[in-house]
Amino acid sequence: MSLGIWEMLILLVVVVLIFGAGKLPKVAGDLAQGIKAFKKNMKDEDQDEPVAPAHPAPRDPALLAADKVAADRDRPVV
């Protein structure tokens, strides 16, 4: 579905009535900046996809012992 000349003219009149003729250049500039930022972020997202490591990093033995002590402390005594 394409817009004809009359539909575009009606749309332009509605936009001018809503925003006013003075604010129209500022609104158009803000819209253009938003579109540029969106496109830039889409390109960056495609290039900077995080890659999961093949093997997880080994944990520090001291941290493993601390986790075990904390788990034992939280366990109820029977």
C-alpha atoms as a PDB file:
ATOM      1  CA  MET A   1       0.000   0.000   0.000  1.00  0.00           C
ATOM      2  CA  SER A   2       1.564   3.274  -1.062  1.00  0.00           C
ATOM      3  CA  LEU A   3       0.632   6.774  -0.031  1.00  0.00           C
ATOM      4  CA  GLY A   4      -0.655   9.066  -2.720  1.00  0.00           C
ATOM      5  CA  ILE A   5      -0.135  12.806  -2.917  1.00  0.00           C
ATOM      6  CA  TRP A   6      -3.417  13.573  -1.136  1.00  0.00           C
ATOM      7  CA  GLU A   7      -2.708  11.226   1.768  1.00  0.00           C
ATOM      8  CA  MET A   8       0.754  12.751   2.228  1.00  0.00           C
ATOM      9  CA  LEU A   9      -0.692  16.262   2.091  1.00  0.00           C
ATOM     10  CA  ILE A  10      -3.315  15.423   4.735  1.00  0.00           C
ATOM     11  CA  LEU A  11      -0.635  13.826   6.905  1.00  0.00           C
ATOM     12  CA  LEU A  12       1.558  16.929   6.584  1.00  0.00           C
ATOM     13  CA  VAL A  13      -1.346  19.197   7.589  1.00  0.00           C
ATOM     14  CA  VAL A  14      -2.089  17.049  10.649  1.00  0.00           C
ATOM     15  CA  VAL A  15       1.583  17.075  11.696  1.00  0.00           C
ATOM     16  CA  VAL A  16       1.781  20.866  11.302  1.00  0.00           C
ATOM     17  CA  LEU A  17      -1.388  21.274  13.372  1.00  0.00           C
ATOM     18  CA  ILE A  18      -0.065  19.030  16.130  1.00  0.00           C
ATOM     19  CA  PHE A  19       3.526  20.303  16.379  1.00  0.00           C
ATOM     20  CA  GLY A  20       3.269  23.770  14.856  1.00  0.00           C
ATOM     21  CA  ALA A  21       5.373  25.066  11.980  1.00  0.00           C
ATOM     22  CA  GLY A  22       8.130  26.376  14.272  1.00  0.00           C
ATOM     23  CA  LYS A  23       8.853  23.039  15.952  1.00  0.00           C
ATOM     24  CA  LEU A  24       8.742  20.994  12.758  1.00  0.00           C
ATOM     25  CA  PRO A  25      12.492  21.300  11.907  1.00  0.00           C
ATOM     26  CA  LYS A  26      13.456  20.351  15.489  1.00  0.00           C
ATOM     27  CA  VAL A  27      11.138  17.322  15.460  1.00  0.00           C
ATOM     28  CA  ALA A  28      12.492  16.217  12.082  1.00  0.00           C
ATOM     29  CA  GLY A  29      16.089  16.606  13.302  1.00  0.00           C
ATOM     30  CA  ASP A  30      15.387  14.623  16.466  1.00  0.00           C
ATOM     31  CA  LEU A  31      13.739  11.897  14.409  1.00  0.00           C
ATOM     32  CA  ALA A  32      16.735  11.734  12.057  1.00  0.00           C
ATOM     33  CA  GLN A  33      19.166  11.488  15.008  1.00  0.00           C
ATOM     34  CA  GLY A  34      17.076   8.700  16.513  1.00  0.00           C
ATOM     35  CA  ILE A  35      17.095   6.743  13.275  1.00  0.00           C
ATOM     36  CA  LYS A  36      20.881   7.186  12.890  1.00  0.00           C
ATOM     37  CA  ALA A  37      21.474   6.033  16.474  1.00  0.00           C
ATOM     38  CA  PHE A  38      19.215   3.019  15.956  1.00  0.00           C
ATOM     39  CA  LYS A  39      21.059   1.987  12.782  1.00  0.00           C
ATOM     40  CA  LYS A  40      24.455   2.469  14.458  1.00  0.00           C
ATOM     41  CA  ASN A  41      23.434   0.338  17.431  1.00  0.00           C
ATOM     42  CA  MET A  42      22.106  -2.388  15.159  1.00  0.00           C
ATOM     43  CA  LYS A  43      25.481  -2.527  13.343  1.00  0.00           C
ATOM     44  CA  ASP A  44      27.374  -2.563  16.648  1.00  0.00           C
ATOM     45  CA  GLU A  45      25.163  -5.341  18.009  1.00  0.00           C
ATOM     46  CA  ASP A  46      25.878  -7.549  15.001  1.00  0.00           C
ATOM     47  CA  GLN A  47      29.634  -7.044  15.339  1.00  0.00           C
ATOM     48  CA  ASP A  48      29.941  -7.300  19.123  1.00  0.00           C
ATOM     49  CA  GLU A  49      28.046 -10.502  19.826  1.00  0.00           C
ATOM     50  CA  PRO A  50      29.548 -12.076  22.931  1.00  0.00           C
ATOM     51  CA  VAL A  51      31.133 -15.450  22.413  1.00  0.00           C
ATOM     52  CA  ALA A  52      30.716 -18.019  25.161  1.00  0.00           C
ATOM     53  CA  PRO A  53      33.991 -19.557  26.334  1.00  0.00           C
ATOM     54  CA  ALA A  54      34.602 -23.141  25.281  1.00  0.00           C
ATOM     55  CA  HIS A  55      35.515 -24.145  28.837  1.00  0.00           C
ATOM     56  CA  PRO A  56      34.447 -22.316  31.976  1.00  0.00           C
ATOM     57  CA  ALA A  57      37.234 -20.722  33.972  1.00  0.00           C
ATOM     58  CA  PRO A  58      38.399 -22.822  36.934  1.00  0.00           C
ATOM     59  CA  ARG A  59      37.218 -21.568  40.295  1.00  0.00           C
ATOM     60  CA  ASP A  60      39.559 -20.675  43.097  1.00  0.00           C
ATOM     61  CA  PRO A  61      39.821 -23.552  45.617  1.00  0.00           C
ATOM     62  CA  ALA A  62      39.467 -21.085  48.498  1.00  0.00           C
ATOM     63  CA  LEU A  63      36.128 -19.922  47.108  1.00  0.00           C
ATOM     64  CA  LEU A  64      34.954 -23.516  46.718  1.00  0.00           C
ATOM     65  CA  ALA A  65      35.833 -24.194  50.388  1.00  0.00           C
ATOM     66  CA  ALA A  66      34.044 -21.019  51.501  1.00  0.00           C
ATOM     67  CA  ASP A  67      30.922 -22.049  49.567  1.00  0.00           C
ATOM     68  CA  LYS A  68      30.970 -25.472  51.241  1.00  0.00           C
ATOM     69  CA  VAL A  69      31.323 -23.929  54.714  1.00  0.00           C
ATOM     70  CA  ALA A  70      28.442 -21.557  54.028  1.00  0.00           C
ATOM     71  CA  ALA A  71      26.267 -24.410  52.745  1.00  0.00           C
ATOM     72  CA  ASP A  72      27.069 -26.507  55.856  1.00  0.00           C
ATOM     73  CA  ARG A  73      26.252 -23.587  58.133  1.00  0.00           C
ATOM     74  CA  ASP A  74      22.834 -23.082  56.497  1.00  0.00           C
ATOM     75  CA  ARG A  75      21.938 -26.786  56.665  1.00  0.00           C
ATOM     76  CA  PRO A  76      19.668 -27.657  59.617  1.00  0.00           C
ATOM     77  CA  VAL A  77      21.045 -29.912  62.334  1.00  0.00           C
ATOM     78  CA  VAL A  78      19.161 -33.194  62.675  1.00  0.00           C
END
